[in-house]
């Protein structure tokens, strides 16, 4: 039994007595990398192209769309009868596309059958699906000219 315990405790490499400290191993690794031509990175520096355009215009447009839909959601919460307009838009688009409507028309039709609170929550959802469906929003005509102008001015690129 004692021999089995001794075997278990001697796992791994056998001791040679010449083990390097972690700091010495790191110095040796850095020396090998330097000899191979690698340059040590001591701080992060953004590329010039990243500095000139830190925020993509696509993200800016998504944020603007989300802001517009947030204003629309607030209007819907005050007056749920306003959901008639997007429902009319969906029906008009369905007739225009005929027998092969795009998939998003059916998705919007299902969303607009929900309660006004769920619709308001959905159109302000920052998820990927919310952003994708906002690109084909049936809420055209819900904002006044002044509301649209203020949002566009706030999101000038």
C-alpha atoms as a PDB file:
ATOM      1  CA  UNK A   1       0.000   0.000   0.000  1.00  0.00           C
ATOM      2  CA  UNK A   2       2.809   2.369   0.871  1.00  0.00           C
ATOM      3  CA  UNK A   3       4.468   1.766  -2.521  1.00  0.00           C
ATOM      4  CA  UNK A   4       1.204   2.646  -4.312  1.00  0.00           C
ATOM      5  CA  UNK A   5       1.022   5.973  -2.425  1.00  0.00           C
ATOM      6  CA  UNK A   6       4.632   6.776  -3.311  1.00  0.00           C
ATOM      7  CA  UNK A   7       3.935   6.076  -7.001  1.00  0.00           C
ATOM      8  CA  UNK A   8       0.935   8.403  -6.939  1.00  0.00           C
ATOM      9  CA  UNK A   9       2.832  11.279  -5.387  1.00  0.00           C
ATOM     10  CA  UNK A  10       5.559  11.152  -8.066  1.00  0.00           C
ATOM     11  CA  UNK A  11       3.440  12.143 -11.020  1.00  0.00           C
ATOM     12  CA  UNK A  12       4.729  14.344 -13.813  1.00  0.00           C
ATOM     13  CA  UNK A  13       8.320  14.855 -14.917  1.00  0.00           C
ATOM     14  CA  UNK A  14      11.073  13.543 -12.778  1.00  0.00           C
ATOM     15  CA  UNK A  15      12.932  16.229 -10.834  1.00  0.00           C
ATOM     16  CA  UNK A  16      16.271  17.240 -12.401  1.00  0.00           C
ATOM     17  CA  UNK A  17      17.193  19.967  -9.969  1.00  0.00           C
ATOM     18  CA  UNK A  18      17.637  22.527 -12.779  1.00  0.00           C
ATOM     19  CA  UNK A  19      14.082  23.887 -13.033  1.00  0.00           C
ATOM     20  CA  UNK A  20      13.760  27.527 -14.079  1.00  0.00           C
ATOM     21  CA  UNK A  21      11.680  30.028 -12.183  1.00  0.00           C
ATOM     22  CA  UNK A  22       8.583  31.342 -13.983  1.00  0.00           C
ATOM     23  CA  UNK A  23      10.344  34.698 -14.527  1.00  0.00           C
ATOM     24  CA  UNK A  24      13.363  32.975 -16.062  1.00  0.00           C
ATOM     25  CA  UNK A  25      11.110  30.918 -18.352  1.00  0.00           C
ATOM     26  CA  UNK A  26       9.374  34.114 -19.516  1.00  0.00           C
ATOM     27  CA  UNK A  27      12.720  35.837 -20.206  1.00  0.00           C
ATOM     28  CA  UNK A  28      13.821  32.819 -22.237  1.00  0.00           C
ATOM     29  CA  UNK A  29      10.544  32.818 -24.217  1.00  0.00           C
ATOM     30  CA  UNK A  30      10.886  36.544 -24.973  1.00  0.00           C
ATOM     31  CA  UNK A  31      14.467  36.054 -26.120  1.00  0.00           C
ATOM     32  CA  UNK A  32      13.378  33.259 -28.496  1.00  0.00           C
ATOM     33  CA  UNK A  33      10.590  35.422 -29.913  1.00  0.00           C
ATOM     34  CA  UNK A  34      12.910  38.394 -30.364  1.00  0.00           C
ATOM     35  CA  UNK A  35      15.444  36.180 -32.156  1.00  0.00           C
ATOM     36  CA  UNK A  36      12.612  34.971 -34.432  1.00  0.00           C
ATOM     37  CA  UNK A  37      11.831  38.580 -35.412  1.00  0.00           C
ATOM     38  CA  UNK A  38       8.705  39.179 -33.340  1.00  0.00           C
ATOM     39  CA  UNK A  39       8.244  42.677 -31.967  1.00  0.00           C
ATOM     40  CA  UNK A  40       7.186  42.982 -28.334  1.00  0.00           C
ATOM     41  CA  UNK A  41       3.808  44.671 -27.905  1.00  0.00           C
ATOM     42  CA  UNK A  42       3.841  46.894 -24.861  1.00  0.00           C
ATOM     43  CA  UNK A  43       0.726  49.006 -25.523  1.00  0.00           C
ATOM     44  CA  UNK A  44      -2.316  49.057 -27.771  1.00  0.00           C
ATOM     45  CA  UNK A  45      -2.374  51.599 -30.578  1.00  0.00           C
ATOM     46  CA  UNK A  46      -5.410  51.807 -32.849  1.00  0.00           C
ATOM     47  CA  UNK A  47      -4.871  51.789 -36.588  1.00  0.00           C
ATOM     48  CA  UNK A  48      -5.257  55.146 -38.328  1.00  0.00           C
ATOM     49  CA  UNK A  49      -8.318  53.909 -40.266  1.00  0.00           C
ATOM     50  CA  UNK A  50     -10.056  52.945 -37.019  1.00  0.00           C
ATOM     51  CA  UNK A  51      -9.409  56.339 -35.445  1.00  0.00           C
ATOM     52  CA  UNK A  52     -10.863  58.229 -38.408  1.00  0.00           C
ATOM     53  CA  UNK A  53     -14.136  56.235 -38.343  1.00  0.00           C
ATOM     54  CA  UNK A  54     -14.759  54.982 -34.794  1.00  0.00           C
ATOM     55  CA  UNK A  55     -18.495  54.502 -35.337  1.00  0.00           C
ATOM     56  CA  UNK A  56     -19.927  52.878 -38.447  1.00  0.00           C
ATOM     57  CA  UNK A  57     -22.676  54.626 -40.367  1.00  0.00           C
ATOM     58  CA  UNK A  58     -24.663  51.375 -40.297  1.00  0.00           C
ATOM     59  CA  UNK A  59     -24.734  51.478 -36.499  1.00  0.00           C
ATOM     60  CA  UNK A  60     -25.677  55.128 -36.629  1.00  0.00           C
ATOM     61  CA  UNK A  61     -28.632  54.315 -38.908  1.00  0.00           C
ATOM     62  CA  UNK A  62     -29.710  51.468 -36.608  1.00  0.00           C
ATOM     63  CA  UNK A  63     -29.564  53.791 -33.601  1.00  0.00           C
ATOM     64  CA  UNK A  64     -31.600  56.416 -35.464  1.00  0.00           C
ATOM     65  CA  UNK A  65     -34.189  53.804 -36.430  1.00  0.00           C
ATOM     66  CA  UNK A  66     -34.384  52.649 -32.817  1.00  0.00           C
ATOM     67  CA  UNK A  67     -34.880  56.259 -31.670  1.00  0.00           C
ATOM     68  CA  UNK A  68     -37.702  56.737 -34.184  1.00  0.00           C
ATOM     69  CA  UNK A  69     -39.380  53.553 -33.045  1.00  0.00           C
ATOM     70  CA  UNK A  70     -39.009  54.614 -29.401  1.00  0.00           C
ATOM     71  CA  UNK A  71     -40.996  57.776 -30.183  1.00  0.00           C
ATOM     72  CA  UNK A  72     -43.559  55.663 -32.063  1.00  0.00           C
ATOM     73  CA  UNK A  73     -43.794  53.255 -29.101  1.00  0.00           C
ATOM     74  CA  UNK A  74     -44.489  56.170 -26.758  1.00  0.00           C
ATOM     75  CA  UNK A  75     -47.269  57.358 -29.073  1.00  0.00           C
ATOM     76  CA  UNK A  76     -48.754  53.847 -29.201  1.00  0.00           C
ATOM     77  CA  UNK A  77     -48.727  53.636 -25.401  1.00  0.00           C
ATOM     78  CA  UNK A  78     -50.706  56.895 -25.243  1.00  0.00           C
ATOM     79  CA  UNK A  79     -53.136  55.894 -28.015  1.00  0.00           C
ATOM     80  CA  UNK A  80     -53.345  52.176 -28.943  1.00  0.00           C
ATOM     81  CA  UNK A  81     -55.710  52.995 -31.841  1.00  0.00           C
ATOM     82  CA  UNK A  82     -52.664  54.249 -33.763  1.00  0.00           C
ATOM     83  CA  UNK A  83     -51.841  50.601 -34.552  1.00  0.00           C
ATOM     84  CA  UNK A  84     -54.451  50.783 -37.316  1.00  0.00           C
ATOM     85  CA  UNK A  85     -51.956  52.661 -39.545  1.00  0.00           C
ATOM     86  CA  UNK A  86     -49.203  49.973 -39.565  1.00  0.00           C
ATOM     87  CA  UNK A  87     -51.857  47.287 -40.048  1.00  0.00           C
ATOM     88  CA  UNK A  88     -53.156  49.169 -43.096  1.00  0.00           C
ATOM     89  CA  UNK A  89     -49.586  49.473 -44.419  1.00  0.00           C
ATOM     90  CA  UNK A  90     -49.058  45.717 -44.068  1.00  0.00           C
ATOM     91  CA  UNK A  91     -52.285  44.943 -45.930  1.00  0.00           C
ATOM     92  CA  UNK A  92     -51.395  47.374 -48.722  1.00  0.00           C
ATOM     93  CA  UNK A  93     -47.899  45.862 -49.055  1.00  0.00           C
ATOM     94  CA  UNK A  94     -49.385  42.341 -49.109  1.00  0.00           C
ATOM     95  CA  UNK A  95     -51.648  43.268 -52.014  1.00  0.00           C
ATOM     96  CA  UNK A  96     -48.744  44.868 -53.872  1.00  0.00           C
ATOM     97  CA  UNK A  97     -46.516  41.784 -53.532  1.00  0.00           C
ATOM     98  CA  UNK A  98     -49.333  39.412 -54.483  1.00  0.00           C
ATOM     99  CA  UNK A  99     -48.787  35.664 -54.136  1.00  0.00           C
ATOM    100  CA  UNK A 100     -45.115  35.797 -53.074  1.00  0.00           C
ATOM    101  CA  UNK A 101     -44.812  38.384 -50.301  1.00  0.00           C
ATOM    102  CA  UNK A 102     -41.489  38.709 -48.454  1.00  0.00           C
ATOM    103  CA  UNK A 103     -41.189  36.814 -45.178  1.00  0.00           C
ATOM    104  CA  UNK A 104     -41.060  40.002 -43.115  1.00  0.00           C
ATOM    105  CA  UNK A 105     -44.656  40.889 -44.083  1.00  0.00           C
ATOM    106  CA  UNK A 106     -45.921  37.753 -42.357  1.00  0.00           C
ATOM    107  CA  UNK A 107     -43.679  38.409 -39.375  1.00  0.00           C
ATOM    108  CA  UNK A 108     -44.986  41.960 -38.995  1.00  0.00           C
ATOM    109  CA  UNK A 109     -48.582  40.754 -39.450  1.00  0.00           C
ATOM    110  CA  UNK A 110     -48.116  38.305 -36.541  1.00  0.00           C
ATOM    111  CA  UNK A 111     -46.457  40.962 -34.381  1.00  0.00           C
ATOM    112  CA  UNK A 112     -49.271  43.455 -35.007  1.00  0.00           C
ATOM    113  CA  UNK A 113     -51.877  40.952 -33.743  1.00  0.00           C
ATOM    114  CA  UNK A 114     -50.355  41.199 -30.263  1.00  0.00           C
ATOM    115  CA  UNK A 115     -51.412  43.692 -27.597  1.00  0.00           C
ATOM    116  CA  UNK A 116     -50.294  47.297 -27.992  1.00  0.00           C
ATOM    117  CA  UNK A 117     -47.905  46.922 -25.046  1.00  0.00           C
ATOM    118  CA  UNK A 118     -46.170  43.930 -26.656  1.00  0.00           C
ATOM    119  CA  UNK A 119     -45.927  45.749 -29.997  1.00  0.00           C
ATOM    120  CA  UNK A 120     -44.411  48.816 -28.300  1.00  0.00           C
ATOM    121  CA  UNK A 121     -41.905  46.594 -26.478  1.00  0.00           C
ATOM    122  CA  UNK A 122     -41.026  44.705 -29.647  1.00  0.00           C
ATOM    123  CA  UNK A 123     -40.359  47.729 -31.841  1.00  0.00           C
ATOM    124  CA  UNK A 124     -37.886  49.065 -29.279  1.00  0.00           C
ATOM    125  CA  UNK A 125     -36.131  45.723 -28.826  1.00  0.00           C
ATOM    126  CA  UNK A 126     -32.382  46.258 -29.410  1.00  0.00           C
ATOM    127  CA  UNK A 127     -31.876  42.620 -30.450  1.00  0.00           C
ATOM    128  CA  UNK A 128     -30.690  41.531 -33.884  1.00  0.00           C
ATOM    129  CA  UNK A 129     -34.204  40.459 -34.855  1.00  0.00           C
ATOM    130  CA  UNK A 130     -35.623  43.814 -33.763  1.00  0.00           C
ATOM    131  CA  UNK A 131     -33.010  45.692 -35.804  1.00  0.00           C
ATOM    132  CA  UNK A 132     -33.651  43.477 -38.844  1.00  0.00           C
ATOM    133  CA  UNK A 133     -37.406  43.994 -38.761  1.00  0.00           C
ATOM    134  CA  UNK A 134     -37.090  47.741 -38.159  1.00  0.00           C
ATOM    135  CA  UNK A 135     -35.441  47.925 -41.605  1.00  0.00           C
ATOM    136  CA  UNK A 136     -38.836  47.060 -43.110  1.00  0.00           C
ATOM    137  CA  UNK A 137     -41.011  48.851 -40.604  1.00  0.00           C
ATOM    138  CA  UNK A 138     -44.743  49.229 -41.269  1.00  0.00           C
ATOM    139  CA  UNK A 139     -44.842  52.307 -39.016  1.00  0.00           C
ATOM    140  CA  UNK A 140     -44.423  54.735 -41.916  1.00  0.00           C
ATOM    141  CA  UNK A 141     -46.576  57.801 -41.421  1.00  0.00           C
ATOM    142  CA  UNK A 142     -46.641  57.557 -37.625  1.00  0.00           C
ATOM    143  CA  UNK A 143     -44.225  60.432 -36.962  1.00  0.00           C
ATOM    144  CA  UNK A 144     -44.894  64.057 -37.714  1.00  0.00           C
ATOM    145  CA  UNK A 145     -42.485  65.980 -39.921  1.00  0.00           C
ATOM    146  CA  UNK A 146     -41.182  67.837 -36.868  1.00  0.00           C
ATOM    147  CA  UNK A 147     -40.539  64.608 -34.919  1.00  0.00           C
ATOM    148  CA  UNK A 148     -38.651  63.104 -37.850  1.00  0.00           C
ATOM    149  CA  UNK A 149     -36.606  66.300 -38.335  1.00  0.00           C
ATOM    150  CA  UNK A 150     -35.561  66.395 -34.656  1.00  0.00           C
ATOM    151  CA  UNK A 151     -34.475  62.734 -34.709  1.00  0.00           C
ATOM    152  CA  UNK A 152     -32.533  63.159 -37.968  1.00  0.00           C
ATOM    153  CA  UNK A 153     -30.755  66.232 -36.556  1.00  0.00           C
ATOM    154  CA  UNK A 154     -29.818  64.299 -33.412  1.00  0.00           C
ATOM    155  CA  UNK A 155     -28.214  61.546 -35.503  1.00  0.00           C
ATOM    156  CA  UNK A 156     -26.284  63.551 -38.085  1.00  0.00           C
ATOM    157  CA  UNK A 157     -23.211  61.578 -39.192  1.00  0.00           C
END
